[in-house]
C-alpha cells in the first residue's frame, strides 16, 4: 500500500494529538485517554459496537484481577514478609535494594505476565521504601522496567514471544522455506543481558534519571518519616542479657531513669514478647531486650552492662508498620487529660504502649516524662502496636492526628491468599484458560474465603490505570484496521533498502518500538514479523533472527506510560510523563544497543 487514504490521514492526526496530550500533560493522562477514546468514536474510526470493548479486554480484566490478588497477599502480611526478607539481604543501600527488587521481579516475569509480576511487587516495593526512607519513585520505575525486560528471557514471558514460533512458521511456510522452531530458552542470553544492563544503568545513573518525589499510593507517614520529623530514634535493637549483667534484678523504671536516652520498648523471654513493658518489670538473665536510642548512647549502655547483640532479630515484628509503629496523638483541649501528669495514665502498664516523646511549643521533650503535666494541644508520640493504640483512642481525651492501619493483617487467612495465588498461577502456566479467567479465579477465591471484602477489592483496583489502558485500545485498533500501521512499516523498510544489515536491523527495532508504544506489543508483533521475515530473505539474512528482533523489541516500551506496567506504576510512584521521557529515553537507547549486539552474538 503506497498511497495515504483520507482515513489514514485522520488516524495519523489523532495519533499525533494523542502523543501531544501525553507529552504536554495539558490534562491528566487518564483524562487524555478518555478524550482520545471519544474522538475515535465520534470520527467513526472504530465500529461503535467495539468502541468500549477495551474495558472487557483480556489485558484490562487481567490487570484488575492481579491487583486484587496482590492486595490479598498484602492484606495477610505476605508482602511485608517478602519486604523484610529483601531488606535483610539488601540492607538500606538504594542501589542494592534496587538491584535486588529488579532482579527478583525480572526472574518472576520470565514465567508469568509482566503486569502480574509488577502488580504483586508494587506493595513490596512500597514497604521497602517506607522501611528504608528511600523515595518510592526511585524504586518503582526500575522495578517496572525490570518486569517488562524479564518477559524477554523466555518464550513464555511475554505475548510477542509466545506468538513468535507460530508467526514465524506461517511466514516461512508462505515462502516455502524450512526453519527450526525456537526453544523455551532461546532468548534467555539476550534477555538476561537486557535485564542486567538496565539494573546497572539505574544503579549507577539512577540519581540523575529518576525523580525524587513522594509517591501517590500511600499517604500515611511511615515510621522513618515520623522519626525524622521529631528527631527520634525508632529502630528497635535486640540485645541479650548475660548471666553477669549489672541489669539483672533492676526494674525498667530504674534503668531508664539512670540511663538517659535509653528506652526499653520490648522484652522477650521464655513466655514470649512483651511490648512496652511496665516500669516495674524486673530484668532477668538471658532475656532479650528491645532497645531504642541513639547509636552512641546504646553503645555505652550495652558495653557497660554486660549485654550482647542477639543472634536473631526477635523484634522484627515491631519493624512491620502494618502491626506497630510511631503515631502522633494530640491532647484534646478541654478534656480531662489537661492538667494531669503522664504517670496518671500508666501508658505502659495499662495500655501496653510506650510514650517516646512530647512535642510542645515547637520543642521535643524526651527522657523521663512521667512527671510532665499534659497541656491542651500537646502532641504525644507513641510507639505501639496498632491494636493497643486503638484501645487508647477510645478515651475522647486523645485524638490521633497521624493515620495508621485500624485493621490488622489477617494472618489467619494467609494460606487462603497464598493458595489463591498458587491456583491462579498454576492455571496460567498449565491450563488453556485465558489469562484473565485464570487470574479472576484466584481473585474469586480471595473474596469467597473473605481474605478481602468486596469493598476492599474495589479499593485495590487502580481505576486510573484501567481507564487509561481501556481507552487507548480503540486507538490501536484504528491504527491497525485503517492500514496506517502497514503503510508506515512499508515506508520505513523501503527507506533502508540497500543499507548494511545492522542498519536494517536498527530500523526494524525502532519501527517495532514505535508501534509498541502506539498500537500494542502484540499488534506490532503480528504486523511486523511477516514483514521482517520478508526483508531478511530479500537481503540474504536469517529470517528467524529478524523475527526474534521484532518479538524482543516489542518489549522496548519505556518512553511513554502507555505500557500496562508503566500505567500501573504511574500513580503510586507519583510520576509524570516527563519522568518517563527522561528515564525511558535512556532505557530505550540502551535496550536498542544491547538487543542489536545480543542477537548478532547469540543467534
Protein backbone atom coordinates (compact mmCIF):
# COMPACT_ATOMS: atom_id res chain seq x y z
CA UNK A 1 0.00 0.00 0.00
CA UNK A 2 1.70 3.19 -1.21
CA UNK A 3 -0.88 5.94 -1.01
CA UNK A 4 -2.29 7.57 2.10
CA UNK A 5 -6.07 7.37 2.26
CA UNK A 6 -8.25 10.01 3.98
CA UNK A 7 -8.88 7.57 6.86
CA UNK A 8 -5.15 7.09 7.33
CA UNK A 9 -4.59 10.85 7.45
CA UNK A 10 -7.26 11.22 10.12
CA UNK A 11 -5.77 8.38 12.15
CA UNK A 12 -2.29 9.91 11.90
CA UNK A 13 -3.69 13.25 13.09
CA UNK A 14 -5.41 11.62 16.07
CA UNK A 15 -2.24 9.68 16.88
CA UNK A 16 -0.17 12.88 16.77
CA UNK A 17 -2.72 14.61 19.00
CA UNK A 18 -2.60 11.73 21.49
CA UNK A 19 1.18 11.89 21.74
CA UNK A 20 0.99 15.67 22.17
CA UNK A 21 -1.50 15.30 25.04
CA UNK A 22 0.69 12.74 26.78
CA UNK A 23 3.88 14.79 26.43
CA UNK A 24 2.44 18.21 27.36
CA UNK A 25 0.16 16.91 30.15
CA UNK A 26 -2.38 19.65 29.48
CA UNK A 27 -4.86 17.30 31.11
CA UNK A 28 -4.27 14.29 33.34
CA UNK A 29 -3.15 11.25 31.39
CA UNK A 30 -6.28 9.19 32.06
CA UNK A 31 -8.45 12.15 31.02
CA UNK A 32 -6.37 12.41 27.84
CA UNK A 33 -7.04 8.74 27.14
CA UNK A 34 -10.79 9.26 27.53
CA UNK A 35 -10.66 12.27 25.15
CA UNK A 36 -8.85 10.07 22.60
CA UNK A 37 -11.47 7.35 23.03
CA UNK A 38 -14.30 9.82 22.44
CA UNK A 39 -12.53 11.29 19.38
CA UNK A 40 -12.03 7.83 17.82
CA UNK A 41 -15.72 7.12 18.36
CA UNK A 42 -17.01 10.45 17.02
CA UNK A 43 -14.87 10.16 13.89
CA UNK A 44 -16.06 6.60 13.31
CA UNK A 45 -12.55 5.19 13.14
CA UNK A 46 -13.70 2.08 15.04
CA UNK A 47 -17.08 0.39 14.85
CA UNK A 48 -19.28 1.82 17.61
CA UNK A 49 -20.11 -1.68 18.88
CA UNK A 50 -16.39 -2.23 19.60
CA UNK A 51 -15.53 1.23 20.91
CA UNK A 52 -15.75 0.28 24.60
CA UNK A 53 -14.59 -3.30 24.18
CA UNK A 54 -11.31 -2.37 25.79
CA UNK A 55 -12.98 -2.32 29.20
CA UNK A 56 -13.68 -6.03 28.87
CA UNK A 57 -10.42 -6.90 27.13
CA UNK A 58 -8.23 -9.73 28.33
CA UNK A 59 -5.46 -7.31 29.32
CA UNK A 60 -7.65 -4.97 31.38
CA UNK A 61 -9.50 -7.75 33.20
CA UNK A 62 -6.16 -9.41 33.91
CA UNK A 63 -4.86 -6.20 35.47
CA UNK A 64 -7.94 -5.85 37.68
CA UNK A 65 -7.62 -9.46 38.86
CA UNK A 66 -3.91 -9.26 39.57
CA UNK A 67 -4.37 -6.04 41.56
CA UNK A 68 -6.92 -7.84 43.73
CA UNK A 69 -4.57 -10.82 44.13
CA UNK A 70 -1.73 -8.51 45.14
CA UNK A 71 -3.97 -6.73 47.65
CA UNK A 72 -4.98 -10.07 49.14
CA UNK A 73 -1.37 -11.17 49.62
CA UNK A 74 -0.61 -7.77 51.12
CA UNK A 75 -3.63 -7.93 53.45
CA UNK A 76 -2.48 -11.15 55.10
CA UNK A 77 1.09 -9.89 55.56
CA UNK A 78 2.83 -11.92 52.85
CA UNK A 79 4.21 -8.87 51.06
CA UNK A 80 5.54 -7.45 54.29
CA UNK A 81 7.36 -10.71 54.95
CA UNK A 82 8.88 -10.60 51.47
CA UNK A 83 9.87 -6.96 52.01
CA UNK A 84 11.51 -7.81 55.35
CA UNK A 85 13.45 -10.66 53.73
CA UNK A 86 14.65 -8.46 50.86
CA UNK A 87 15.65 -5.68 53.26
CA UNK A 88 17.60 -8.19 55.34
CA UNK A 89 19.60 -9.08 52.23
CA UNK A 90 19.78 -5.61 50.68
CA UNK A 91 20.21 -3.53 53.82
CA UNK A 92 19.38 0.16 53.40
CA UNK A 93 21.53 0.93 50.35
CA UNK A 94 19.45 2.23 47.45
CA UNK A 95 21.50 0.60 44.68
CA UNK A 96 21.48 -2.82 46.39
CA UNK A 97 17.77 -2.73 47.12
CA UNK A 98 17.05 -1.54 43.58
CA UNK A 99 19.10 -4.38 42.11
CA UNK A 100 17.54 -6.94 44.43
CA UNK A 101 13.94 -5.95 43.70
CA UNK A 102 14.51 -5.56 39.97
CA UNK A 103 16.35 -8.87 39.65
CA UNK A 104 13.65 -10.73 41.59
CA UNK A 105 10.82 -9.23 39.54
CA UNK A 106 12.65 -9.93 36.27
CA UNK A 107 13.09 -13.57 37.25
CA UNK A 108 9.39 -13.96 38.05
CA UNK A 109 8.38 -12.08 34.91
CA UNK A 110 10.15 -14.66 32.77
CA UNK A 111 7.42 -17.16 33.61
CA UNK A 112 4.32 -15.02 34.12
CA UNK A 113 2.84 -11.89 32.60
CA UNK A 114 4.97 -8.84 33.41
CA UNK A 115 1.96 -6.86 34.62
CA UNK A 116 1.30 -9.60 37.15
CA UNK A 117 4.86 -9.58 38.46
CA UNK A 118 4.85 -5.78 38.72
CA UNK A 119 1.46 -5.64 40.46
CA UNK A 120 2.49 -8.26 43.01
CA UNK A 121 5.74 -6.45 43.83
CA UNK A 122 4.17 -3.00 43.96
CA UNK A 123 3.26 -3.32 47.67
CA UNK A 124 6.60 -4.99 48.42
CA UNK A 125 8.46 -2.07 46.88
CA UNK A 126 6.31 0.44 48.78
CA UNK A 127 7.04 -1.35 52.07
CA UNK A 128 10.79 -1.35 51.37
CA UNK A 129 10.69 2.35 50.51
CA UNK A 130 8.97 3.08 53.83
CA UNK A 131 11.38 0.94 55.83
CA UNK A 132 14.48 2.50 54.27
CA UNK A 133 13.25 6.09 53.70
CA UNK A 134 14.16 5.76 50.01
CA UNK A 135 11.63 7.67 47.85
CA UNK A 136 9.37 5.10 46.25
CA UNK A 137 9.72 6.95 42.92
CA UNK A 138 13.35 5.83 42.82
CA UNK A 139 12.43 2.16 43.13
CA UNK A 140 9.14 1.64 41.28
CA UNK A 141 10.25 2.66 37.79
CA UNK A 142 13.36 0.42 37.73
CA UNK A 143 11.22 -2.40 39.14
CA UNK A 144 8.60 -1.89 36.42
CA UNK A 145 11.19 -1.73 33.65
CA UNK A 146 12.75 -4.95 35.01
CA UNK A 147 9.32 -6.62 34.91
CA UNK A 148 9.00 -5.68 31.25
CA UNK A 149 12.52 -6.85 30.45
CA UNK A 150 12.07 -10.09 32.38
CA UNK A 151 9.48 -11.05 29.79
CA UNK A 152 12.26 -11.26 27.20
CA UNK A 153 14.12 -14.06 28.99
CA UNK A 154 11.86 -16.96 27.90
CA UNK A 155 9.38 -17.74 25.12
CA UNK A 156 6.50 -17.65 27.65
CA UNK A 157 7.42 -14.36 29.31
CA UNK A 158 5.50 -12.02 27.01
CA UNK A 159 2.77 -12.08 24.38
CA UNK A 160 5.10 -11.31 21.43
CA UNK A 161 7.48 -14.16 22.31
CA UNK A 162 4.58 -16.55 22.84
CA UNK A 163 3.42 -15.72 19.30
CA UNK A 164 6.91 -15.87 17.78
CA UNK A 165 7.06 -19.51 16.65
CA UNK A 166 3.53 -19.52 15.19
CA UNK A 167 4.03 -16.30 13.24
CA UNK A 168 7.45 -17.38 12.04
CA UNK A 169 6.05 -20.76 10.93
CA UNK A 170 3.30 -19.09 8.90
CA UNK A 171 5.72 -16.72 7.20
CA UNK A 172 8.25 -19.42 6.38
CA UNK A 173 5.51 -21.71 5.08
CA UNK A 174 4.27 -18.96 2.76
CA UNK A 175 7.82 -18.54 1.45
CA UNK A 176 8.28 -22.31 1.03
CA UNK A 177 11.21 -22.38 3.41
CA UNK A 178 12.11 -24.68 6.31
CA UNK A 179 13.15 -23.45 9.76
CA UNK A 180 14.00 -24.71 13.26
CA UNK A 181 11.50 -23.53 15.93
CA UNK A 182 12.96 -21.63 18.86
CA UNK A 183 13.12 -23.46 22.19
CA UNK A 184 11.88 -22.07 25.51
CA UNK A 185 15.19 -20.50 26.48
CA UNK A 186 16.32 -19.28 23.05
CA UNK A 187 16.02 -15.58 24.01
CA UNK A 188 17.50 -16.07 27.52
CA UNK A 189 21.07 -14.78 26.86
CA UNK A 190 19.70 -11.66 25.19
CA UNK A 191 17.01 -11.16 27.85
CA UNK A 192 19.50 -11.54 30.70
CA UNK A 193 21.81 -9.00 29.05
CA UNK A 194 18.89 -6.56 28.78
CA UNK A 195 17.93 -7.07 32.45
CA UNK A 196 21.46 -6.75 33.79
CA UNK A 197 22.26 -3.68 31.71
CA UNK A 198 19.07 -1.94 32.83
CA UNK A 199 19.70 -2.66 36.52
CA UNK A 200 23.30 -1.47 36.17
CA UNK A 201 22.19 1.73 34.45
CA UNK A 202 19.75 2.66 37.22
CA UNK A 203 22.20 1.64 39.96
CA UNK A 204 24.88 3.93 38.54
CA UNK A 205 22.88 6.76 36.94
CA UNK A 206 19.58 6.49 38.82
CA UNK A 207 20.17 9.68 40.81
CA UNK A 208 20.04 11.66 37.56
CA UNK A 209 17.44 9.61 35.68
CA UNK A 210 14.85 9.02 38.40
CA UNK A 211 12.63 11.62 40.08
CA UNK A 212 12.80 12.22 43.81
CA UNK A 213 9.14 12.72 44.64
CA UNK A 214 6.65 11.45 47.17
CA UNK A 215 4.64 8.58 45.74
CA UNK A 216 0.90 8.83 45.34
CA UNK A 217 -0.03 5.39 46.57
CA UNK A 218 0.17 5.81 50.35
CA UNK A 219 -0.40 8.94 52.38
CA UNK A 220 0.18 7.61 55.89
CA UNK A 221 3.51 8.84 57.33
CA UNK A 222 5.89 5.96 57.82
CA UNK A 223 7.99 5.35 60.93
CA UNK A 224 11.13 6.79 59.33
CA UNK A 225 9.20 9.93 58.32
CA UNK A 226 7.80 10.49 61.81
CA UNK A 227 11.20 9.74 63.32
CA UNK A 228 12.81 12.37 61.12
CA UNK A 229 10.04 14.88 61.86
CA UNK A 230 10.61 14.71 65.62
CA UNK A 231 14.28 13.79 65.68
CA UNK A 232 13.54 10.44 67.35
CA UNK A 233 15.20 7.07 67.12
CA UNK A 234 12.71 4.39 66.06
CA UNK A 235 14.78 1.29 65.33
CA UNK A 236 14.43 -1.45 67.95
CA UNK A 237 17.73 -3.27 68.56
CA UNK A 238 17.82 -6.74 70.12
CA UNK A 239 20.31 -7.33 72.98
CA UNK A 240 20.57 -10.39 75.24
CA UNK A 241 21.15 -10.01 78.99
CA UNK A 242 24.09 -12.22 80.03
CA UNK A 243 24.29 -14.02 83.37
CA UNK A 244 26.73 -11.44 84.79
CA UNK A 245 24.87 -8.33 83.64
CA UNK A 246 24.50 -5.44 86.07
CA UNK A 247 20.90 -5.03 84.91
CA UNK A 248 19.67 -8.29 86.47
CA UNK A 249 17.27 -7.61 89.31
CA UNK A 250 16.67 -3.98 88.31
CA UNK A 251 13.35 -2.62 87.09
CA UNK A 252 12.66 -0.97 83.77
CA UNK A 253 11.98 2.29 85.61
CA UNK A 254 15.32 2.23 87.44
CA UNK A 255 17.24 1.54 84.23
CA UNK A 256 15.53 4.23 82.14
CA UNK A 257 15.88 6.79 84.95
CA UNK A 258 19.61 6.18 85.31
CA UNK A 259 20.48 5.84 81.65
CA UNK A 260 19.03 8.87 79.89
CA UNK A 261 18.15 8.34 76.21
CA UNK A 262 17.61 4.58 76.55
CA UNK A 263 14.12 3.16 76.14
CA UNK A 264 13.23 -0.48 76.71
CA UNK A 265 10.45 -0.89 74.16
CA UNK A 266 10.10 -4.68 74.38
CA UNK A 267 11.28 -7.75 76.27
CA UNK A 268 11.34 -11.35 75.07
CA UNK A 269 11.67 -14.27 77.48
CA UNK A 270 10.56 -17.89 77.58
CA UNK A 271 6.93 -16.74 77.74
CA UNK A 272 7.07 -14.62 74.60
CA UNK A 273 7.35 -10.92 73.78
CA UNK A 274 6.10 -8.02 75.91
CA UNK A 275 5.76 -4.76 74.02
CA UNK A 276 6.07 -1.60 76.15
CA UNK A 277 6.87 -3.45 79.41
CA UNK A 278 5.57 -1.81 82.58
CA UNK A 279 8.12 0.16 84.58
CA UNK A 280 8.01 -2.28 87.49
CA UNK A 281 9.03 -5.25 85.32
CA UNK A 282 12.30 -6.70 86.67
CA UNK A 283 15.06 -7.74 84.26
CA UNK A 284 16.19 -11.36 84.43
CA UNK A 285 19.16 -13.22 82.98
CA UNK A 286 19.00 -14.47 79.36
CA UNK A 287 16.04 -12.30 78.37
CA UNK A 288 16.30 -10.25 75.18
CA UNK A 289 15.74 -6.51 75.42
CA UNK A 290 14.40 -4.36 72.60
CA UNK A 291 16.30 -1.08 72.99
CA UNK A 292 15.68 2.24 71.30
CA UNK A 293 18.11 5.17 71.38
CA UNK A 294 20.96 6.82 69.56
CA UNK A 295 23.89 4.63 68.49
CA UNK A 296 26.27 6.39 70.87
CA UNK A 297 24.02 6.06 73.90
CA UNK A 298 23.25 2.40 73.15
CA UNK A 299 26.94 1.56 72.65
CA UNK A 300 27.83 2.95 76.08
CA UNK A 301 24.81 1.29 77.70
CA UNK A 302 25.34 -2.18 76.24
CA UNK A 303 29.11 -2.24 76.71
CA UNK A 304 28.84 -1.21 80.33
CA UNK A 305 26.08 -3.58 81.36
CA UNK A 306 27.05 -6.98 80.03
CA UNK A 307 24.74 -7.11 77.02
CA UNK A 308 25.50 -8.97 73.77
CA UNK A 309 23.80 -8.49 70.43
CA UNK A 310 21.12 -11.12 69.85
CA UNK A 311 21.87 -13.58 67.05
CA UNK A 312 18.37 -13.25 65.65
CA UNK A 313 16.22 -10.15 65.32
CA UNK A 314 13.47 -11.22 67.70
CA UNK A 315 11.77 -7.85 67.31
CA UNK A 316 11.38 -7.87 63.52
CA UNK A 317 7.63 -7.78 64.17
CA UNK A 318 8.00 -4.26 65.56
CA UNK A 319 9.54 -3.11 62.26
CA UNK A 320 6.37 -4.20 60.44
CA UNK A 321 4.47 -0.94 60.07
CA UNK A 322 1.24 -2.82 59.45
CA UNK A 323 1.41 -4.08 63.05
CA UNK A 324 3.26 -1.44 65.07
CA UNK A 325 5.00 1.90 64.76
CA UNK A 326 5.17 5.54 65.76
CA UNK A 327 1.93 7.51 66.00
CA UNK A 328 1.02 11.10 66.85
CA UNK A 329 -1.78 11.68 69.36
CA UNK A 330 -2.92 15.16 70.40
CA UNK A 331 -4.47 16.16 73.75
CA UNK A 332 -7.97 17.46 73.07
CA UNK A 333 -8.47 20.98 74.53
CA UNK A 334 -10.93 20.99 77.43
CA UNK A 335 -10.56 17.25 78.03
CA UNK A 336 -9.92 15.57 81.38
CA UNK A 337 -6.33 14.84 80.35
CA UNK A 338 -5.37 18.53 80.50
CA UNK A 339 -3.53 19.20 83.76
CA UNK A 340 -2.86 15.54 84.55
CA UNK A 341 0.60 14.03 84.75
CA UNK A 342 1.81 11.38 82.32
CA UNK A 343 2.22 8.83 85.11
CA UNK A 344 -1.50 9.09 85.93
CA UNK A 345 -2.35 7.25 82.68
CA UNK A 346 0.10 4.35 83.13
CA UNK A 347 0.52 4.09 79.36
CA UNK A 348 2.83 1.09 79.63
CA UNK A 349 1.16 -0.87 82.40
CA UNK A 350 -2.46 -0.34 81.39
CA UNK A 351 -2.28 0.25 77.65
CA UNK A 352 0.93 -1.55 76.65
CA UNK A 353 2.32 1.41 74.69
CA UNK A 354 5.47 3.48 75.09
CA UNK A 355 5.47 7.28 75.20
CA UNK A 356 8.59 8.22 73.24
CA UNK A 357 8.27 12.00 73.44
CA UNK A 358 6.00 15.02 73.83
CA UNK A 359 6.03 17.79 71.22
CA UNK A 360 5.14 21.10 72.87
CA UNK A 361 5.59 24.67 71.61
CA UNK A 362 7.95 23.59 68.87
CA UNK A 363 10.19 21.56 71.16
CA UNK A 364 10.51 17.82 71.70
CA UNK A 365 10.55 16.61 75.31
CA UNK A 366 12.21 13.22 75.85
CA UNK A 367 13.63 11.12 78.65
CA UNK A 368 11.72 10.51 81.89
CA UNK A 369 8.33 12.00 81.06
CA UNK A 370 6.35 10.57 83.98
CA UNK A 371 6.09 13.86 85.86
CA UNK A 372 5.27 16.04 82.85
CA UNK A 373 1.89 17.77 83.12
CA UNK A 374 -0.15 17.45 79.95
CA UNK A 375 -1.42 20.61 78.24
CA UNK A 376 -4.03 21.16 75.57
CA UNK A 377 -2.53 20.69 72.12
CA UNK A 378 0.42 18.58 73.29
CA UNK A 379 1.38 16.03 70.66
CA UNK A 380 2.25 12.70 72.27
CA UNK A 381 4.43 10.46 70.12
CA UNK A 382 3.81 6.81 70.97
CA UNK A 383 5.45 3.59 69.90
CA UNK A 384 2.71 0.99 69.97
CA UNK A 385 1.02 -1.95 68.44
CA UNK A 386 -1.88 -0.52 66.48
CA UNK A 387 -4.50 -2.58 68.26
CA UNK A 388 -3.26 -1.19 71.59
CA UNK A 389 -3.32 2.34 70.24
CA UNK A 390 -6.88 1.85 69.02
CA UNK A 391 -7.89 0.87 72.55
CA UNK A 392 -6.30 4.05 73.98
CA UNK A 393 -8.12 6.24 71.47
CA UNK A 394 -11.46 5.16 72.88
CA UNK A 395 -10.71 7.81 75.51
CA UNK A 396 -12.03 11.06 73.94
CA UNK A 397 -9.15 13.00 75.51
CA UNK A 398 -6.79 11.54 72.89
CA UNK A 399 -7.09 12.18 69.15
CA UNK A 400 -4.83 10.52 66.55
CA UNK A 401 -3.51 13.03 64.02
CA UNK A 402 -1.40 10.56 62.02
CA UNK A 403 -3.13 7.83 60.07
CA UNK A 404 -2.45 4.20 60.92
CA UNK A 405 -3.97 0.87 59.85
CA UNK A 406 -7.05 0.34 62.03
CA UNK A 407 -7.34 -3.24 60.85
CA UNK A 408 -4.54 -5.70 61.47
CA UNK A 409 -3.23 -8.09 58.78
CA UNK A 410 -5.49 -11.13 58.56
CA UNK A 411 -2.73 -13.62 59.23
CA UNK A 412 -5.30 -16.37 59.87
CA UNK A 413 -6.20 -16.12 56.17
CA UNK A 414 -2.59 -16.31 54.98
CA UNK A 415 -2.81 -19.74 53.39
CA UNK A 416 -6.08 -18.87 51.65
CA UNK A 417 -4.32 -15.94 49.97
CA UNK A 418 -1.23 -17.97 49.09
CA UNK A 419 -3.44 -20.80 47.81
CA UNK A 420 -5.50 -18.44 45.66
CA UNK A 421 -2.33 -17.06 44.09
CA UNK A 422 -0.93 -20.58 43.55
CA UNK A 423 -4.16 -21.70 41.87
CA UNK A 424 -4.18 -18.66 39.58
CA UNK A 425 -0.50 -19.07 38.65
CA UNK A 426 -0.93 -22.79 38.00
CA UNK A 427 -3.88 -22.12 35.69
CA UNK A 428 -1.83 -19.50 33.83
CA UNK A 429 1.10 -21.88 33.30
CA UNK A 430 -0.55 -25.25 32.87
CA UNK A 431 -4.06 -24.75 31.51
CA UNK A 432 -5.63 -23.39 28.34
CA UNK A 433 -7.65 -20.79 30.26
CA UNK A 434 -7.25 -17.22 29.13
CA UNK A 435 -5.03 -15.16 31.42
CA UNK A 436 -7.95 -13.03 32.58
CA UNK A 437 -10.05 -16.04 33.57
CA UNK A 438 -7.19 -17.78 35.37
CA UNK A 439 -6.38 -14.69 37.42
CA UNK A 440 -10.03 -13.89 38.13
CA UNK A 441 -10.48 -17.41 39.55
CA UNK A 442 -7.78 -16.54 42.09
CA UNK A 443 -9.50 -13.24 42.87
CA UNK A 444 -12.81 -15.04 43.37
CA UNK A 445 -11.17 -17.41 45.88
CA UNK A 446 -9.97 -14.38 47.88
CA UNK A 447 -13.49 -12.98 48.02
CA UNK A 448 -15.20 -16.26 48.90
CA UNK A 449 -12.65 -17.01 51.63
CA UNK A 450 -13.05 -13.43 52.96
CA UNK A 451 -9.38 -12.61 52.67
CA UNK A 452 -10.72 -9.38 51.19
CA UNK A 453 -14.15 -7.85 51.49
CA UNK A 454 -15.82 -6.72 48.25
CA UNK A 455 -15.23 -3.08 49.20
CA UNK A 456 -11.53 -3.77 49.82
CA UNK A 457 -11.29 -5.48 46.44
CA UNK A 458 -12.80 -2.44 44.71
CA UNK A 459 -10.38 -0.14 46.54
CA UNK A 460 -7.44 -2.34 45.49
CA UNK A 461 -8.04 -1.57 41.81
CA UNK A 462 -6.34 1.48 40.32
CA UNK A 463 -9.22 2.72 38.21
CA UNK A 464 -6.99 5.38 36.70
CA UNK A 465 -4.89 2.59 35.20
CA UNK A 466 -7.98 0.73 34.00
CA UNK A 467 -9.39 3.75 32.17
CA UNK A 468 -6.00 4.66 30.71
CA UNK A 469 -5.46 1.26 29.13
CA UNK A 470 -9.05 0.52 28.12
CA UNK A 471 -9.49 3.92 26.49
CA UNK A 472 -6.32 3.58 24.39
CA UNK A 473 -7.15 0.16 22.93
CA UNK A 474 -9.54 1.59 20.26
CA UNK A 475 -6.78 3.94 19.02
CA UNK A 476 -4.51 0.95 18.46
CA UNK A 477 -7.32 -0.80 16.58
CA UNK A 478 -7.86 2.25 14.39
CA UNK A 479 -4.14 2.47 13.52
CA UNK A 480 -4.10 -1.19 12.53
CA UNK A 481 -7.50 -1.59 10.83
CA UNK A 482 -7.18 1.56 8.72
CA UNK A 483 -3.95 0.28 7.17
CA UNK A 484 -1.95 3.12 8.74
CA UNK A 485 0.40 0.73 10.54
CA UNK A 486 1.12 -1.26 7.38
CA UNK A 487 1.72 1.96 5.42
CA UNK A 488 4.21 3.26 8.00
CA UNK A 489 6.03 -0.06 8.08
CA UNK A 490 6.32 -0.24 4.31
CA UNK A 491 7.68 3.31 4.10
CA UNK A 492 10.31 2.75 6.78
CA UNK A 493 11.53 -0.57 5.37
CA UNK A 494 11.65 0.91 1.90
CA UNK A 495 13.79 3.79 3.16
CA UNK A 496 16.55 1.46 4.44
CA UNK A 497 16.68 -0.75 1.36
CA UNK A 498 20.26 -1.30 0.24
CA UNK A 499 21.76 -0.32 3.60
CA UNK A 500 24.03 -2.58 5.73
CA UNK A 501 22.38 -5.42 7.69
CA UNK A 502 22.87 -3.65 11.03
CA UNK A 503 21.12 -0.54 9.70
CA UNK A 504 18.14 -2.63 8.55
CA UNK A 505 18.06 -4.37 11.96
CA UNK A 506 18.12 -0.97 13.67
CA UNK A 507 15.23 0.23 11.52
CA UNK A 508 13.19 -2.84 12.49
CA UNK A 509 13.92 -2.27 16.20
CA UNK A 510 12.91 1.39 16.02
CA UNK A 511 9.80 0.62 13.98
CA UNK A 512 8.72 -2.10 16.40
CA UNK A 513 9.34 0.25 19.33
CA UNK A 514 7.18 2.96 17.78
CA UNK A 515 4.36 0.50 17.07
CA UNK A 516 4.58 -0.96 20.57
CA UNK A 517 4.14 2.49 22.12
CA UNK A 518 1.20 3.48 19.96
CA UNK A 519 -0.57 0.26 18.94
CA UNK A 520 0.33 -2.63 21.26
CA UNK A 521 3.19 -5.07 21.62
CA UNK A 522 1.09 -7.94 20.27
CA UNK A 523 -0.25 -5.82 17.40
CA UNK A 524 3.27 -4.72 16.50
CA UNK A 525 4.46 -8.33 16.55
CA UNK A 526 1.64 -9.69 14.38
CA UNK A 527 2.15 -6.92 11.84
CA UNK A 528 5.93 -6.75 11.69
CA UNK A 529 7.20 -10.35 11.96
CA UNK A 530 5.94 -11.28 8.44
CA UNK A 531 7.40 -8.02 7.14
CA UNK A 532 10.75 -8.60 8.86
CA UNK A 533 10.97 -12.18 7.56
CA UNK A 534 10.44 -10.99 4.01
CA UNK A 535 13.05 -8.25 4.42
CA UNK A 536 15.56 -10.78 5.77
CA UNK A 537 15.01 -13.06 2.79
CA UNK A 538 15.43 -10.10 0.43
CA UNK A 539 18.80 -9.10 1.90
CA UNK A 540 20.01 -12.70 2.33
CA UNK A 541 19.88 -12.58 6.15
CA UNK A 542 18.50 -15.05 8.71
CA UNK A 543 14.67 -14.74 8.79
CA UNK A 544 14.49 -16.32 12.27
CA UNK A 545 16.93 -13.75 13.61
CA UNK A 546 14.87 -10.87 12.22
CA UNK A 547 11.68 -12.37 13.65
CA UNK A 548 13.33 -12.62 17.08
CA UNK A 549 14.38 -8.97 16.82
CA UNK A 550 10.73 -7.96 16.41
CA UNK A 551 9.50 -10.22 19.24
CA UNK A 552 12.04 -8.85 21.72
CA UNK A 553 11.88 -5.23 20.51
CA UNK A 554 8.13 -5.33 21.25
CA UNK A 555 9.18 -5.02 24.91
CA UNK A 556 11.04 -1.77 24.27
CA UNK A 557 8.16 0.20 25.82
CA UNK A 558 9.72 2.69 28.23
CA UNK A 559 9.40 6.07 26.53
CA UNK A 560 5.72 6.69 27.34
CA UNK A 561 3.49 5.43 30.18
CA UNK A 562 1.22 3.62 27.71
CA UNK A 563 2.53 0.15 28.54
CA UNK A 564 0.40 -1.69 31.10
CA UNK A 565 3.22 -1.84 33.65
CA UNK A 566 4.14 1.83 33.29
CA UNK A 567 0.49 2.83 33.60
CA UNK A 568 0.14 0.72 36.74
CA UNK A 569 3.08 2.38 38.49
CA UNK A 570 2.46 5.95 37.42
CA UNK A 571 0.08 6.80 40.25
CA UNK A 572 1.81 5.03 43.17
CA UNK A 573 5.19 6.42 42.05
CA UNK A 574 3.90 9.96 41.66
CA UNK A 575 5.37 10.02 38.16
CA UNK A 576 4.67 12.46 35.35
CA UNK A 577 5.09 11.84 31.64
CA UNK A 578 8.34 13.82 31.61
CA UNK A 579 9.81 11.31 34.08
CA UNK A 580 9.19 8.50 31.58
CA UNK A 581 10.57 10.64 28.76
CA UNK A 582 13.86 11.11 30.63
CA UNK A 583 14.42 7.64 32.08
CA UNK A 584 12.60 5.96 29.19
CA UNK A 585 14.80 7.57 26.54
CA UNK A 586 17.95 6.31 28.25
CA UNK A 587 16.39 2.84 28.64
CA UNK A 588 15.23 2.78 25.01
CA UNK A 589 18.70 3.64 23.71
CA UNK A 590 20.37 1.07 25.98
CA UNK A 591 17.80 -1.58 25.04
CA UNK A 592 18.37 -0.98 21.34
CA UNK A 593 22.15 -1.23 21.58
CA UNK A 594 22.12 -4.34 23.79
CA UNK A 595 19.50 -6.06 21.62
CA UNK A 596 21.40 -5.50 18.38
CA UNK A 597 24.64 -6.75 19.91
CA UNK A 598 22.89 -9.69 21.56
CA UNK A 599 21.06 -11.03 18.52
CA UNK A 600 24.24 -10.94 16.48
CA UNK A 601 26.24 -12.67 19.21
CA UNK A 602 23.77 -15.34 20.35
CA UNK A 603 21.54 -16.06 17.31
